[in-house]
Amino acid sequence: MGKASDTGGVKPMAIAGRYVSERERVLGMTDEERAFRKQWLKDQELSPNEPRKVPEMYKATFNPIRRFYRWPLDKLAEKLTPIVGEERAIGIRWKTGKILMGIAAAYYITYYFKYNRNDWMRKGGWRVIESRQNCVPGDPGYPMVSTKSKGADYDNRNFNNFKLNI
């Protein structure tokens, strides 16, 4: 199977004609071609009531689940449009959504690291290893001696600190 056609199987053609290029226009145009170009340029102007908002098009484009989770920010953009303009309201709506997703991701990551530690009782979870602080001559507490005195202290995954509640 080949790639889907961008034009639906119809050969593409330029509706502007060959005079879309300034070089072609400078070479010379007949009066008929000038009239065609003038009409084509006039046809490119939007009427005052365009672009039109068609509510049925919104419902056809977005499925009900997507319309449900977009609803709060759509209402925000709707309220902001008369105040800041349509383009800015859409930008604010987009940025607000991204900021809220970022905050939710930060909360999730914080929760996960706090309550899903990798210790000796569970197989999964992120393992967080904290490095010792540097201690050089002249620092208070020099020489800093390691708290690990035997081999079993190095990879116990918090086993030594576990207290059984019986």
C-alpha atoms as a PDB file:
ATOM      1  CA  MET A   1       0.000   0.000   0.000  1.00  0.00           C
ATOM      2  CA  GLY A   2       1.284   3.429  -0.892  1.00  0.00           C
ATOM      3  CA  LYS A   3       1.179   6.657   1.016  1.00  0.00           C
ATOM      4  CA  ALA A   4      -2.168   8.417   1.206  1.00  0.00           C
ATOM      5  CA  SER A   5      -2.545  11.244  -1.291  1.00  0.00           C
ATOM      6  CA  ASP A   6      -2.606  14.822  -0.001  1.00  0.00           C
ATOM      7  CA  THR A   7      -4.977  15.791  -2.799  1.00  0.00           C
ATOM      8  CA  GLY A   8      -7.347  12.820  -2.664  1.00  0.00           C
ATOM      9  CA  GLY A   9      -6.102  11.337  -5.934  1.00  0.00           C
ATOM     10  CA  VAL A  10      -6.631  14.540  -7.957  1.00  0.00           C
ATOM     11  CA  LYS A  11      -3.621  16.182  -9.574  1.00  0.00           C
ATOM     12  CA  PRO A  12      -2.761  19.413  -7.746  1.00  0.00           C
ATOM     13  CA  MET A  13      -3.037  22.696  -9.605  1.00  0.00           C
ATOM     14  CA  ALA A  14      -2.340  26.277  -8.638  1.00  0.00           C
ATOM     15  CA  ILE A  15      -5.544  28.335  -8.556  1.00  0.00           C
ATOM     16  CA  ALA A  16      -3.514  31.551  -8.685  1.00  0.00           C
ATOM     17  CA  GLY A  17      -2.385  30.866 -12.219  1.00  0.00           C
ATOM     18  CA  ARG A  18       1.102  31.539 -13.479  1.00  0.00           C
ATOM     19  CA  TYR A  19       0.988  35.166 -12.366  1.00  0.00           C
ATOM     20  CA  VAL A  20       1.473  34.362  -8.674  1.00  0.00           C
ATOM     21  CA  SER A  21       5.185  34.979  -9.337  1.00  0.00           C
ATOM     22  CA  GLU A  22       6.301  38.595  -9.689  1.00  0.00           C
ATOM     23  CA  ARG A  23       8.743  37.591 -12.424  1.00  0.00           C
ATOM     24  CA  GLU A  24       5.889  36.247 -14.564  1.00  0.00           C
ATOM     25  CA  ARG A  25       3.912  39.470 -14.100  1.00  0.00           C
ATOM     26  CA  VAL A  26       6.862  41.668 -15.071  1.00  0.00           C
ATOM     27  CA  LEU A  27       7.311  39.743 -18.329  1.00  0.00           C
ATOM     28  CA  GLY A  28       3.980  41.126 -19.457  1.00  0.00           C
ATOM     29  CA  MET A  29       0.285  40.549 -18.971  1.00  0.00           C
ATOM     30  CA  THR A  30      -2.633  41.019 -21.342  1.00  0.00           C
ATOM     31  CA  ASP A  31      -5.694  43.012 -20.290  1.00  0.00           C
ATOM     32  CA  GLU A  32      -7.610  39.750 -19.867  1.00  0.00           C
ATOM     33  CA  GLU A  33      -4.887  38.347 -17.593  1.00  0.00           C
ATOM     34  CA  ARG A  34      -4.802  41.595 -15.600  1.00  0.00           C
ATOM     35  CA  ALA A  35      -8.577  41.392 -15.068  1.00  0.00           C
ATOM     36  CA  PHE A  36      -8.241  37.724 -13.996  1.00  0.00           C
ATOM     37  CA  ARG A  37      -5.491  38.605 -11.501  1.00  0.00           C
ATOM     38  CA  LYS A  38      -7.463  41.575 -10.120  1.00  0.00           C
ATOM     39  CA  GLN A  39     -10.536  39.364  -9.609  1.00  0.00           C
ATOM     40  CA  TRP A  40      -8.413  36.599  -8.047  1.00  0.00           C
ATOM     41  CA  LEU A  41      -6.857  39.042  -5.548  1.00  0.00           C
ATOM     42  CA  LYS A  42     -10.323  40.387  -4.677  1.00  0.00           C
ATOM     43  CA  ASP A  43     -11.575  36.828  -4.115  1.00  0.00           C
ATOM     44  CA  GLN A  44      -8.809  36.249  -1.560  1.00  0.00           C
ATOM     45  CA  GLU A  45     -10.213  38.915   0.782  1.00  0.00           C
ATOM     46  CA  LEU A  46     -12.366  37.575   3.593  1.00  0.00           C
ATOM     47  CA  SER A  47     -15.821  38.952   4.159  1.00  0.00           C
ATOM     48  CA  PRO A  48     -16.460  40.759   7.475  1.00  0.00           C
ATOM     49  CA  ASN A  49     -18.287  37.735   8.951  1.00  0.00           C
ATOM     50  CA  GLU A  50     -15.408  35.310   8.320  1.00  0.00           C
ATOM     51  CA  PRO A  51     -14.011  33.123   9.764  1.00  0.00           C
ATOM     52  CA  ARG A  52     -17.278  31.625  10.936  1.00  0.00           C
ATOM     53  CA  LYS A  53     -17.628  29.573  14.097  1.00  0.00           C
ATOM     54  CA  VAL A  54     -19.803  26.534  13.476  1.00  0.00           C
ATOM     55  CA  PRO A  55     -20.683  24.683  16.725  1.00  0.00           C
ATOM     56  CA  GLU A  56     -21.558  21.505  14.826  1.00  0.00           C
ATOM     57  CA  MET A  57     -18.052  21.481  13.332  1.00  0.00           C
ATOM     58  CA  TYR A  58     -16.542  21.550  16.853  1.00  0.00           C
ATOM     59  CA  LYS A  59     -18.709  18.579  17.854  1.00  0.00           C
ATOM     60  CA  ALA A  60     -17.799  16.699  14.686  1.00  0.00           C
ATOM     61  CA  THR A  61     -14.073  17.387  15.122  1.00  0.00           C
ATOM     62  CA  PHE A  62     -13.669  16.499  18.811  1.00  0.00           C
ATOM     63  CA  ASN A  63     -15.026  13.339  20.430  1.00  0.00           C
ATOM     64  CA  PRO A  64     -17.080  13.612  23.670  1.00  0.00           C
ATOM     65  CA  ILE A  65     -14.197  12.651  25.969  1.00  0.00           C
ATOM     66  CA  ARG A  66     -11.923  15.288  24.466  1.00  0.00           C
ATOM     67  CA  ARG A  67     -14.690  17.910  24.630  1.00  0.00           C
ATOM     68  CA  PHE A  68     -15.162  17.013  28.322  1.00  0.00           C
ATOM     69  CA  TYR A  69     -11.546  17.587  29.378  1.00  0.00           C
ATOM     70  CA  ARG A  70     -11.194  20.667  27.141  1.00  0.00           C
ATOM     71  CA  TRP A  71     -14.345  22.297  28.562  1.00  0.00           C
ATOM     72  CA  PRO A  72     -12.817  24.193  31.540  1.00  0.00           C
ATOM     73  CA  LEU A  73     -10.067  25.850  29.499  1.00  0.00           C
ATOM     74  CA  ASP A  74     -12.463  26.516  26.607  1.00  0.00           C
ATOM     75  CA  LYS A  75     -14.714  28.415  29.038  1.00  0.00           C
ATOM     76  CA  LEU A  76     -11.670  30.343  30.318  1.00  0.00           C
ATOM     77  CA  ALA A  77     -10.739  31.336  26.749  1.00  0.00           C
ATOM     78  CA  GLU A  78     -14.364  32.282  26.066  1.00  0.00           C
ATOM     79  CA  LYS A  79     -14.381  34.653  29.085  1.00  0.00           C
ATOM     80  CA  LEU A  80     -10.971  36.153  28.169  1.00  0.00           C
ATOM     81  CA  THR A  81     -11.727  36.749  24.473  1.00  0.00           C
ATOM     82  CA  PRO A  82     -13.601  40.082  24.916  1.00  0.00           C
ATOM     83  CA  ILE A  83     -10.887  41.336  27.281  1.00  0.00           C
ATOM     84  CA  VAL A  84      -7.622  40.376  25.549  1.00  0.00           C
ATOM     85  CA  GLY A  85      -8.703  39.349  22.032  1.00  0.00           C
ATOM     86  CA  GLU A  86      -9.134  35.953  20.416  1.00  0.00           C
ATOM     87  CA  GLU A  87      -5.498  35.165  19.591  1.00  0.00           C
ATOM     88  CA  ARG A  88      -4.237  36.054  23.068  1.00  0.00           C
ATOM     89  CA  ALA A  89      -7.093  34.138  24.719  1.00  0.00           C
ATOM     90  CA  ILE A  90      -6.165  31.029  22.716  1.00  0.00           C
ATOM     91  CA  GLY A  91      -2.507  31.500  23.698  1.00  0.00           C
ATOM     92  CA  ILE A  92      -3.398  31.886  27.371  1.00  0.00           C
ATOM     93  CA  ARG A  93      -5.631  28.811  27.156  1.00  0.00           C
ATOM     94  CA  TRP A  94      -2.796  26.768  25.613  1.00  0.00           C
ATOM     95  CA  LYS A  95      -0.166  27.946  28.118  1.00  0.00           C
ATOM     96  CA  THR A  96      -2.497  27.410  31.084  1.00  0.00           C
ATOM     97  CA  GLY A  97      -3.074  23.806  30.012  1.00  0.00           C
ATOM     98  CA  LYS A  98       0.665  23.155  29.675  1.00  0.00           C
ATOM     99  CA  ILE A  99       1.415  24.762  33.070  1.00  0.00           C
ATOM    100  CA  LEU A 100      -1.300  22.682  34.767  1.00  0.00           C
ATOM    101  CA  MET A 101       0.071  19.496  33.176  1.00  0.00           C
ATOM    102  CA  GLY A 102       3.573  20.448  34.363  1.00  0.00           C
ATOM    103  CA  ILE A 103       2.339  21.013  37.928  1.00  0.00           C
ATOM    104  CA  ALA A 104       0.468  17.686  37.876  1.00  0.00           C
ATOM    105  CA  ALA A 105       3.612  15.920  36.612  1.00  0.00           C
ATOM    106  CA  ALA A 106       5.722  17.544  39.355  1.00  0.00           C
ATOM    107  CA  TYR A 107       3.235  16.440  42.040  1.00  0.00           C
ATOM    108  CA  TYR A 108       3.145  12.911  40.630  1.00  0.00           C
ATOM    109  CA  ILE A 109       6.933  12.630  40.503  1.00  0.00           C
ATOM    110  CA  THR A 110       7.258  14.013  44.038  1.00  0.00           C
ATOM    111  CA  TYR A 111       4.639  11.569  45.338  1.00  0.00           C
ATOM    112  CA  TYR A 112       6.271   8.650  43.530  1.00  0.00           C
ATOM    113  CA  PHE A 113       9.753   9.354  44.885  1.00  0.00           C
ATOM    114  CA  LYS A 114       8.426   9.945  48.396  1.00  0.00           C
ATOM    115  CA  TYR A 115       6.243   6.843  48.755  1.00  0.00           C
ATOM    116  CA  ASN A 116       7.763   4.315  46.321  1.00  0.00           C
ATOM    117  CA  ARG A 117      11.328   4.009  47.493  1.00  0.00           C
ATOM    118  CA  ASN A 118      13.379   1.010  46.511  1.00  0.00           C
ATOM    119  CA  ASP A 119      14.091  -0.781  49.785  1.00  0.00           C
ATOM    120  CA  TRP A 120      14.581  -4.396  50.822  1.00  0.00           C
ATOM    121  CA  MET A 121      10.795  -5.115  51.034  1.00  0.00           C
ATOM    122  CA  ARG A 122       9.927  -4.267  47.421  1.00  0.00           C
ATOM    123  CA  LYS A 123      11.385  -5.171  44.088  1.00  0.00           C
ATOM    124  CA  GLY A 124      10.470  -2.034  42.124  1.00  0.00           C
ATOM    125  CA  GLY A 125      10.710   1.676  42.622  1.00  0.00           C
ATOM    126  CA  TRP A 126      13.437   4.204  42.004  1.00  0.00           C
ATOM    127  CA  ARG A 127      16.621   3.757  43.938  1.00  0.00           C
ATOM    128  CA  VAL A 128      17.934   7.047  45.260  1.00  0.00           C
ATOM    129  CA  ILE A 129      21.544   7.014  46.423  1.00  0.00           C
ATOM    130  CA  GLU A 130      22.874  10.060  48.221  1.00  0.00           C
ATOM    131  CA  SER A 131      26.560  10.824  47.894  1.00  0.00           C
ATOM    132  CA  ARG A 132      28.698  11.765  50.845  1.00  0.00           C
ATOM    133  CA  GLN A 133      29.534  15.443  51.200  1.00  0.00           C
ATOM    134  CA  ASN A 134      33.052  16.581  50.444  1.00  0.00           C
ATOM    135  CA  CYS A 135      35.153  17.262  53.507  1.00  0.00           C
ATOM    136  CA  VAL A 136      38.586  18.764  52.966  1.00  0.00           C
ATOM    137  CA  PRO A 137      41.204  19.835  55.481  1.00  0.00           C
ATOM    138  CA  GLY A 138      40.032  22.976  57.243  1.00  0.00           C
ATOM    139  CA  ASP A 139      36.318  22.081  57.119  1.00  0.00           C
ATOM    140  CA  PRO A 140      34.515  21.448  60.410  1.00  0.00           C
ATOM    141  CA  GLY A 141      34.243  17.706  61.035  1.00  0.00           C
ATOM    142  CA  TYR A 142      37.441  16.864  59.132  1.00  0.00           C
ATOM    143  CA  PRO A 143      38.290  13.992  58.773  1.00  0.00           C
ATOM    144  CA  MET A 144      34.779  12.756  58.019  1.00  0.00           C
ATOM    145  CA  VAL A 145      34.755   9.031  58.671  1.00  0.00           C
ATOM    146  CA  SER A 146      32.289   6.778  56.819  1.00  0.00           C
ATOM    147  CA  THR A 147      29.328   5.480  58.817  1.00  0.00           C
ATOM    148  CA  LYS A 148      29.679   2.150  57.011  1.00  0.00           C
ATOM    149  CA  SER A 149      31.989  -0.098  58.943  1.00  0.00           C
ATOM    150  CA  LYS A 150      31.355  -3.575  57.519  1.00  0.00           C
ATOM    151  CA  GLY A 151      30.534  -4.972  54.079  1.00  0.00           C
ATOM    152  CA  ALA A 152      26.843  -5.600  54.859  1.00  0.00           C
ATOM    153  CA  ASP A 153      26.322  -1.867  55.423  1.00  0.00           C
ATOM    154  CA  TYR A 154      26.963  -0.986  51.787  1.00  0.00           C
ATOM    155  CA  ASP A 155      23.924  -2.496  50.011  1.00  0.00           C
ATOM    156  CA  ASN A 156      21.420  -3.222  52.750  1.00  0.00           C
ATOM    157  CA  ARG A 157      18.653  -1.126  51.127  1.00  0.00           C
ATOM    158  CA  ASN A 158      17.496   0.136  54.557  1.00  0.00           C
ATOM    159  CA  PHE A 159      17.269  -3.369  56.060  1.00  0.00           C
ATOM    160  CA  ASN A 160      19.259  -2.466  59.183  1.00  0.00           C
ATOM    161  CA  ASN A 161      16.862   0.405  60.055  1.00  0.00           C
ATOM    162  CA  PHE A 162      13.708  -1.738  59.748  1.00  0.00           C
ATOM    163  CA  LYS A 163      11.804  -2.294  63.000  1.00  0.00           C
ATOM    164  CA  LEU A 164       9.310  -5.133  63.175  1.00  0.00           C
ATOM    165  CA  ASN A 165       6.100  -4.185  64.987  1.00  0.00           C
ATOM    166  CA  ILE A 166       4.764  -7.311  66.690  1.00  0.00           C
END
